[in-house]
Amino acid sequence: MSILVTGGAGYIGSQAVRDLRRAGREVVVLDSLEFGHPGAVPGVPLVVADIADSDAVASTVREHGVDSVIHFAAYKAAGESVELPGRYFDNNVAKSAALLDTLDACKVRTIVFSSSCSVYGTPSQLPVDESHPLAPESPYAESKLMVEKMLSWYDTSRATRSVSLRYFNAAGADLDGAHGEDWRVTLNLVPLVMKAAVGSTPDIKVFGTDYDTPDGTAIRDYVHVVDLADAHVRAIDYLQRGGASTVVNLGTGRGSSVLEVIDVARQVSGREIPIDKLGRRAGDPVAVYADLRRAADVLGWQAQYGLDVIIESAWRWHSTHPDGYPA
């Protein structure tokens, strides 16, 4: 039996594919390649299709003997989602509903879902645990919560068991330096810092330097993409052992400020990395970091890599692959 990975040619999805294969699992990827790249999943069966294409999904399940799914496929730019909410509800919610219906018809009822800590909104307490009130502040975050709710109802009515993994800030690259994020299609801090380090952009824009934090910049929980991939393998194993549906935070439990990230990048790269100090962005919380007790209890998981390794691996990847994967 094999595992279907939707969006498996994207940043986190392709890293999970790598780790699943290292663990000896059979994998098939389904990706529209709108943002994914076939070079991220060499040697893996790749079906180029939309998750809402029920014929493509069903035939992939049949042909590859799929019994479990990891669902990454989604748009993920929170700012864009505010400007284009319909685009996010259509792609992330409606197409996920179509995918779940097809999987149900194929009797595939074990799903790991790529969710987000953005479902919590601005935290009222730190660290953030899974019982924290849910208050999405963008259509993107709302779309993730809506899929979590759909999965809960599929469990109730169709016995579909799922683990929704609420990531904090994914960052870094594979430790071998051969696999990482395509910075052409990302707005995340670490690849933007890498762009400034190699000179592709003139500086890194810092939004807000007057927060109530040690250096005045916002604090986030950065978790290595390799650690995230490991959590997906563990979540699949948990469900295949009969585990009940649940939600799990994935982070390090430690916050790092924007300036701390830039300082580590300067040390690792040996580059100056100029900064442009700007005002705060609306809706940006002062600090967000995870409570990880459930990840340890349910999955036996904890992050192995801290900020230094995140930045070192990102620099190794971006400095040697400035154009991402080869055409």
Protein backbone atom coordinates (compact mmCIF):
# COMPACT_ATOMS: atom_id res chain seq x y z
CA MET A 1 0.00 0.00 0.00
CA SER A 2 1.14 3.54 -0.65
CA ILE A 3 0.67 7.09 0.60
CA LEU A 4 -0.78 9.79 -1.65
CA VAL A 5 0.79 13.21 -1.06
CA THR A 6 -1.23 16.09 -2.51
CA GLY A 7 0.86 19.17 -3.17
CA GLY A 8 3.83 16.86 -2.81
CA ALA A 9 6.01 18.82 -5.25
CA GLY A 10 5.89 21.92 -3.06
CA TYR A 11 8.25 23.04 -0.31
CA ILE A 12 7.07 21.10 2.75
CA GLY A 13 5.29 18.40 0.76
CA SER A 14 8.40 17.38 -1.15
CA GLN A 15 10.42 17.25 2.07
CA ALA A 16 7.80 14.93 3.55
CA VAL A 17 8.03 12.78 0.40
CA ARG A 18 11.79 12.52 0.93
CA ASP A 19 11.36 11.43 4.53
CA LEU A 20 8.62 8.94 3.72
CA ARG A 21 10.86 7.31 1.12
CA ARG A 22 13.77 7.27 3.59
CA ALA A 23 11.44 5.45 5.97
CA GLY A 24 10.80 2.82 3.27
CA ARG A 25 7.25 3.92 2.44
CA GLU A 26 5.69 3.76 -1.02
CA VAL A 27 4.65 7.25 -2.15
CA VAL A 28 2.78 8.83 -5.07
CA VAL A 29 2.52 12.59 -5.55
CA LEU A 30 -0.46 14.46 -6.99
CA ASP A 31 0.30 18.11 -7.75
CA SER A 32 -1.03 20.67 -10.22
CA LEU A 33 2.52 22.12 -10.46
CA GLU A 34 1.09 25.64 -10.17
CA PHE A 35 3.67 26.21 -7.43
CA GLY A 36 5.32 22.80 -7.15
CA HIS A 37 8.24 21.57 -9.21
CA PRO A 38 8.91 18.06 -10.55
CA GLY A 39 12.60 18.54 -9.73
CA ALA A 40 11.65 18.45 -6.05
CA VAL A 41 10.44 14.84 -6.29
CA PRO A 42 12.80 12.98 -8.63
CA GLY A 43 12.16 9.28 -8.98
CA VAL A 44 8.70 9.49 -7.41
CA PRO A 45 5.49 8.74 -9.32
CA LEU A 46 4.00 12.17 -10.10
CA VAL A 47 0.43 12.71 -11.25
CA VAL A 48 -0.06 16.24 -12.60
CA ALA A 49 -3.66 17.00 -11.72
CA ASP A 50 -5.92 19.12 -9.55
CA ILE A 51 -7.18 17.68 -6.25
CA ALA A 52 -10.74 18.43 -7.40
CA ASP A 53 -10.30 16.16 -10.44
CA SER A 54 -12.13 13.16 -9.04
CA ASP A 55 -11.24 10.89 -11.97
CA ALA A 56 -7.51 11.62 -11.60
CA VAL A 57 -7.59 11.16 -7.82
CA ALA A 58 -9.62 7.94 -7.99
CA SER A 59 -7.46 6.39 -10.71
CA THR A 60 -4.31 7.32 -8.75
CA VAL A 61 -5.70 5.67 -5.63
CA ARG A 62 -6.57 2.51 -7.55
CA GLU A 63 -3.37 2.24 -9.58
CA HIS A 64 -1.04 2.83 -6.63
CA GLY A 65 -2.98 1.03 -3.91
CA VAL A 66 -3.31 4.18 -1.79
CA ASP A 67 -4.50 3.65 1.77
CA SER A 68 -3.46 6.97 3.37
CA VAL A 69 -3.18 10.60 2.29
CA ILE A 70 -1.13 13.60 3.36
CA HIS A 71 -2.93 16.71 2.12
CA PHE A 72 -0.65 19.71 1.52
CA ALA A 73 -2.20 21.21 -1.62
CA ALA A 74 -3.30 24.78 -0.83
CA TYR A 75 -2.62 28.44 -1.43
CA LYS A 76 -0.83 29.93 1.58
CA ALA A 77 -0.29 33.70 1.25
CA ALA A 78 -2.34 35.26 4.05
CA GLY A 79 -2.02 38.78 2.67
CA GLU A 80 -3.17 37.75 -0.80
CA SER A 81 -6.12 35.91 0.75
CA VAL A 82 -7.43 39.18 2.17
CA GLU A 83 -7.36 40.69 -1.31
CA LEU A 84 -8.72 37.57 -3.05
CA PRO A 85 -10.83 35.65 -0.52
CA GLY A 86 -12.78 33.75 -3.15
CA ARG A 87 -9.58 32.33 -4.62
CA TYR A 88 -8.69 30.85 -1.22
CA PHE A 89 -12.11 29.49 -0.34
CA ASP A 90 -12.39 27.89 -3.77
CA ASN A 91 -8.92 26.33 -3.85
CA ASN A 92 -8.37 25.48 -0.19
CA VAL A 93 -11.92 24.64 0.92
CA ALA A 94 -14.12 23.69 -2.04
CA LYS A 95 -11.40 21.62 -3.70
CA SER A 96 -10.55 19.95 -0.40
CA ALA A 97 -14.22 19.03 -0.05
CA ALA A 98 -14.11 17.45 -3.51
CA LEU A 99 -10.94 15.57 -2.57
CA LEU A 100 -12.50 14.23 0.64
CA ASP A 101 -15.57 13.02 -1.25
CA THR A 102 -13.42 11.19 -3.77
CA LEU A 103 -11.26 9.61 -1.04
CA ASP A 104 -14.40 8.54 0.80
CA ALA A 105 -15.78 6.92 -2.35
CA CYS A 106 -12.44 5.09 -2.68
CA LYS A 107 -12.63 4.05 1.00
CA VAL A 108 -9.44 5.94 1.90
CA ARG A 109 -10.12 7.16 5.42
CA THR A 110 -6.71 7.98 6.91
CA ILE A 111 -5.61 11.60 6.33
CA VAL A 112 -2.89 13.88 7.64
CA PHE A 113 -3.75 17.52 6.96
CA SER A 114 -1.35 20.43 6.60
CA SER A 115 -2.95 23.10 8.78
CA SER A 116 -1.55 26.26 10.36
CA CYS A 117 -1.07 28.06 13.65
CA SER A 118 -2.83 31.00 11.97
CA VAL A 119 -6.13 29.39 13.06
CA TYR A 120 -5.41 30.83 16.54
CA GLY A 121 -5.23 34.44 15.36
CA THR A 122 -3.53 36.81 17.78
CA PRO A 123 -2.76 34.68 20.85
CA SER A 124 -4.28 35.64 24.18
CA GLN A 125 -1.77 33.46 26.02
CA LEU A 126 1.70 32.04 25.42
CA PRO A 127 2.79 29.43 24.66
CA VAL A 128 -0.15 28.52 22.42
CA ASP A 129 -1.64 25.07 23.01
CA GLU A 130 -4.30 23.26 20.98
CA SER A 131 -7.10 24.35 23.34
CA HIS A 132 -6.44 28.03 22.63
CA PRO A 133 -9.51 29.82 21.20
CA LEU A 134 -9.65 29.73 17.41
CA ALA A 135 -9.88 33.18 15.82
CA PRO A 136 -8.60 33.26 12.22
CA GLU A 137 -7.69 36.73 10.97
CA SER A 138 -7.46 36.06 7.22
CA PRO A 139 -9.35 34.02 4.63
CA TYR A 140 -6.25 31.79 4.41
CA ALA A 141 -6.43 30.99 8.14
CA GLU A 142 -10.20 30.57 7.94
CA SER A 143 -9.79 28.15 5.03
CA LYS A 144 -7.47 25.96 7.12
CA LEU A 145 -9.93 25.92 10.01
CA MET A 146 -12.80 25.08 7.66
CA VAL A 147 -10.95 22.03 6.35
CA GLU A 148 -10.19 20.95 9.94
CA LYS A 149 -13.93 21.18 10.65
CA MET A 150 -14.76 19.18 7.53
CA LEU A 151 -12.38 16.47 8.63
CA SER A 152 -14.05 16.35 12.03
CA TRP A 153 -17.42 15.77 10.39
CA TYR A 154 -15.99 13.11 8.07
CA ASP A 155 -14.78 11.35 11.19
CA THR A 156 -18.25 11.56 12.75
CA SER A 157 -20.19 10.48 9.69
CA ARG A 158 -17.72 8.43 7.64
CA ALA A 159 -15.14 7.12 10.15
CA THR A 160 -12.37 9.06 8.39
CA ARG A 161 -9.59 9.54 10.94
CA SER A 162 -7.26 12.50 10.60
CA VAL A 163 -4.42 14.43 12.20
CA SER A 164 -4.39 18.16 11.51
CA LEU A 165 -0.86 19.48 11.98
CA ARG A 166 -0.84 23.15 12.92
CA TYR A 167 2.55 24.42 11.76
CA PHE A 168 4.16 27.46 13.19
CA ASN A 169 6.80 29.02 10.86
CA ALA A 170 8.32 26.46 8.50
CA ALA A 171 11.87 27.30 7.47
CA GLY A 172 15.21 25.82 6.42
CA ALA A 173 16.21 23.24 3.84
CA ASP A 174 17.21 19.59 3.78
CA LEU A 175 20.50 19.01 5.54
CA ASP A 176 22.14 17.60 2.41
CA GLY A 177 21.81 20.97 0.66
CA ALA A 178 20.04 19.46 -2.34
CA HIS A 179 16.45 20.31 -1.50
CA GLY A 180 14.74 23.46 -0.29
CA GLU A 181 12.24 26.24 -0.83
CA ASP A 182 11.65 28.02 -4.13
CA TRP A 183 12.09 31.65 -3.06
CA ARG A 184 10.48 32.92 -6.24
CA VAL A 185 7.03 32.06 -4.86
CA THR A 186 7.39 32.73 -1.14
CA LEU A 187 6.94 35.68 1.21
CA ASN A 188 8.40 33.93 4.26
CA LEU A 189 11.07 35.71 6.29
CA VAL A 190 13.97 33.26 5.98
CA PRO A 191 14.07 33.03 2.15
CA LEU A 192 13.60 36.81 1.95
CA VAL A 193 16.62 37.22 4.25
CA MET A 194 18.55 34.81 2.01
CA LYS A 195 17.63 36.92 -1.05
CA ALA A 196 19.11 39.98 0.64
CA ALA A 197 22.20 37.98 1.67
CA VAL A 198 23.02 36.95 -1.90
CA GLY A 199 22.20 40.40 -3.26
CA SER A 200 19.05 39.48 -5.18
CA THR A 201 17.24 42.22 -3.25
CA PRO A 202 18.79 45.39 -1.81
CA ASP A 203 17.67 44.84 1.77
CA ILE A 204 15.26 43.04 4.09
CA LYS A 205 12.22 44.98 5.18
CA VAL A 206 11.55 44.85 8.92
CA PHE A 207 7.92 45.63 9.74
CA GLY A 208 7.78 47.06 13.26
CA THR A 209 10.73 47.84 15.52
CA ASP A 210 8.76 49.15 18.52
CA TYR A 211 7.16 45.96 19.81
CA ASP A 212 7.41 45.11 23.50
CA THR A 213 10.18 42.57 22.89
CA PRO A 214 13.90 42.59 23.80
CA ASP A 215 14.94 44.11 20.45
CA GLY A 216 11.64 45.68 19.41
CA THR A 217 10.85 43.26 16.58
CA ALA A 218 8.15 40.60 16.40
CA ILE A 219 8.82 37.09 17.68
CA ARG A 220 7.86 33.88 15.87
CA ASP A 221 8.45 30.15 16.35
CA TYR A 222 10.60 28.89 13.44
CA VAL A 223 10.53 25.12 12.91
CA HIS A 224 12.87 23.25 10.58
CA VAL A 225 11.23 21.72 7.52
CA VAL A 226 13.06 18.43 8.25
CA ASP A 227 11.42 18.31 11.67
CA LEU A 228 8.04 19.01 10.06
CA ALA A 229 8.54 16.17 7.60
CA ASP A 230 9.39 13.80 10.44
CA ALA A 231 6.13 14.76 12.16
CA HIS A 232 4.15 13.78 9.06
CA VAL A 233 5.74 10.35 8.97
CA ARG A 234 4.89 9.94 12.66
CA ALA A 235 1.32 11.14 12.11
CA ILE A 236 0.76 8.59 9.35
CA ASP A 237 2.18 5.85 11.58
CA TYR A 238 -0.06 7.00 14.45
CA LEU A 239 -3.20 6.79 12.30
CA GLN A 240 -2.23 3.46 10.77
CA ARG A 241 -1.88 2.06 14.31
CA GLY A 242 -5.51 3.05 14.89
CA GLY A 243 -4.99 6.46 16.51
CA ALA A 244 -8.00 8.73 16.95
CA SER A 245 -8.47 12.01 15.10
CA THR A 246 -6.68 14.95 16.69
CA VAL A 247 -4.96 18.29 16.10
CA VAL A 248 -1.30 18.84 16.94
CA ASN A 249 0.93 21.92 17.08
CA LEU A 250 4.33 21.76 15.40
CA GLY A 251 6.99 24.25 16.44
CA THR A 252 10.03 24.49 18.69
CA GLY A 253 8.38 26.11 21.69
CA ARG A 254 10.87 28.97 21.42
CA GLY A 255 10.40 32.32 19.74
CA SER A 256 13.01 34.15 17.67
CA SER A 257 12.77 37.82 16.75
CA VAL A 258 13.10 39.19 13.23
CA LEU A 259 16.42 40.82 14.11
CA GLU A 260 17.67 37.59 15.69
CA VAL A 261 16.97 35.75 12.42
CA ILE A 262 18.83 38.44 10.47
CA ASP A 263 21.78 38.41 12.88
CA VAL A 264 22.18 34.63 12.60
CA ALA A 265 21.95 34.92 8.81
CA ARG A 266 24.73 37.53 8.85
CA GLN A 267 26.94 35.21 10.89
CA VAL A 268 26.26 32.18 8.69
CA SER A 269 26.56 33.94 5.32
CA GLY A 270 29.26 36.44 6.17
CA ARG A 271 27.16 39.06 4.36
CA GLU A 272 26.02 42.45 5.64
CA ILE A 273 22.27 42.07 4.90
CA PRO A 274 21.01 45.68 5.04
CA ILE A 275 17.64 46.28 6.67
CA ASP A 276 14.87 48.78 5.97
CA LYS A 277 12.89 49.60 9.12
CA LEU A 278 9.21 50.15 8.41
CA GLY A 279 6.06 50.50 10.48
CA ARG A 280 4.06 47.60 11.87
CA ARG A 281 1.73 45.67 9.61
CA ALA A 282 -1.91 45.50 10.67
CA GLY A 283 -2.76 42.23 12.39
CA ASP A 284 0.81 41.15 13.17
CA PRO A 285 0.95 39.79 16.74
CA VAL A 286 3.84 40.75 19.01
CA ALA A 287 4.86 37.15 19.69
CA VAL A 288 3.70 33.62 18.82
CA TYR A 289 5.26 30.33 19.89
CA ALA A 290 3.95 26.83 20.48
CA ASP A 291 3.12 24.60 23.39
CA LEU A 292 4.29 21.18 22.18
CA ARG A 293 3.14 18.78 24.88
CA ARG A 294 0.54 17.14 22.64
CA ALA A 295 3.07 16.56 19.86
CA ALA A 296 5.27 14.72 22.36
CA ASP A 297 2.40 12.75 23.91
CA VAL A 298 0.60 11.76 20.69
CA LEU A 299 3.39 11.53 18.11
CA GLY A 300 6.48 11.15 20.29
CA TRP A 301 7.79 14.18 18.39
CA GLN A 302 9.90 17.16 19.26
CA ALA A 303 11.92 19.50 17.08
CA GLN A 304 15.56 18.51 16.76
CA TYR A 305 16.92 21.60 15.03
CA GLY A 306 17.07 25.20 16.20
CA LEU A 307 17.50 28.54 14.48
CA ASP A 308 21.22 28.10 13.73
CA VAL A 309 20.63 24.90 11.74
CA ILE A 310 17.59 26.41 10.04
CA ILE A 311 19.63 29.34 8.76
CA GLU A 312 22.71 27.24 7.92
CA SER A 313 20.65 24.81 5.84
CA ALA A 314 18.70 27.61 4.13
CA TRP A 315 21.95 29.38 3.21
CA ARG A 316 23.47 26.15 1.89
CA TRP A 317 20.45 25.64 -0.37
CA HIS A 318 19.77 29.20 -1.55
CA SER A 319 23.40 30.16 -2.11
CA THR A 320 23.92 27.16 -4.39
CA HIS A 321 20.45 27.13 -6.03
CA PRO A 322 19.63 30.82 -6.69
CA ASP A 323 17.13 29.83 -9.37
CA GLY A 324 15.60 26.98 -7.39
CA TYR A 325 15.21 23.66 -9.18
CA PRO A 326 16.48 23.31 -12.76
CA ALA A 327 13.93 23.81 -15.51
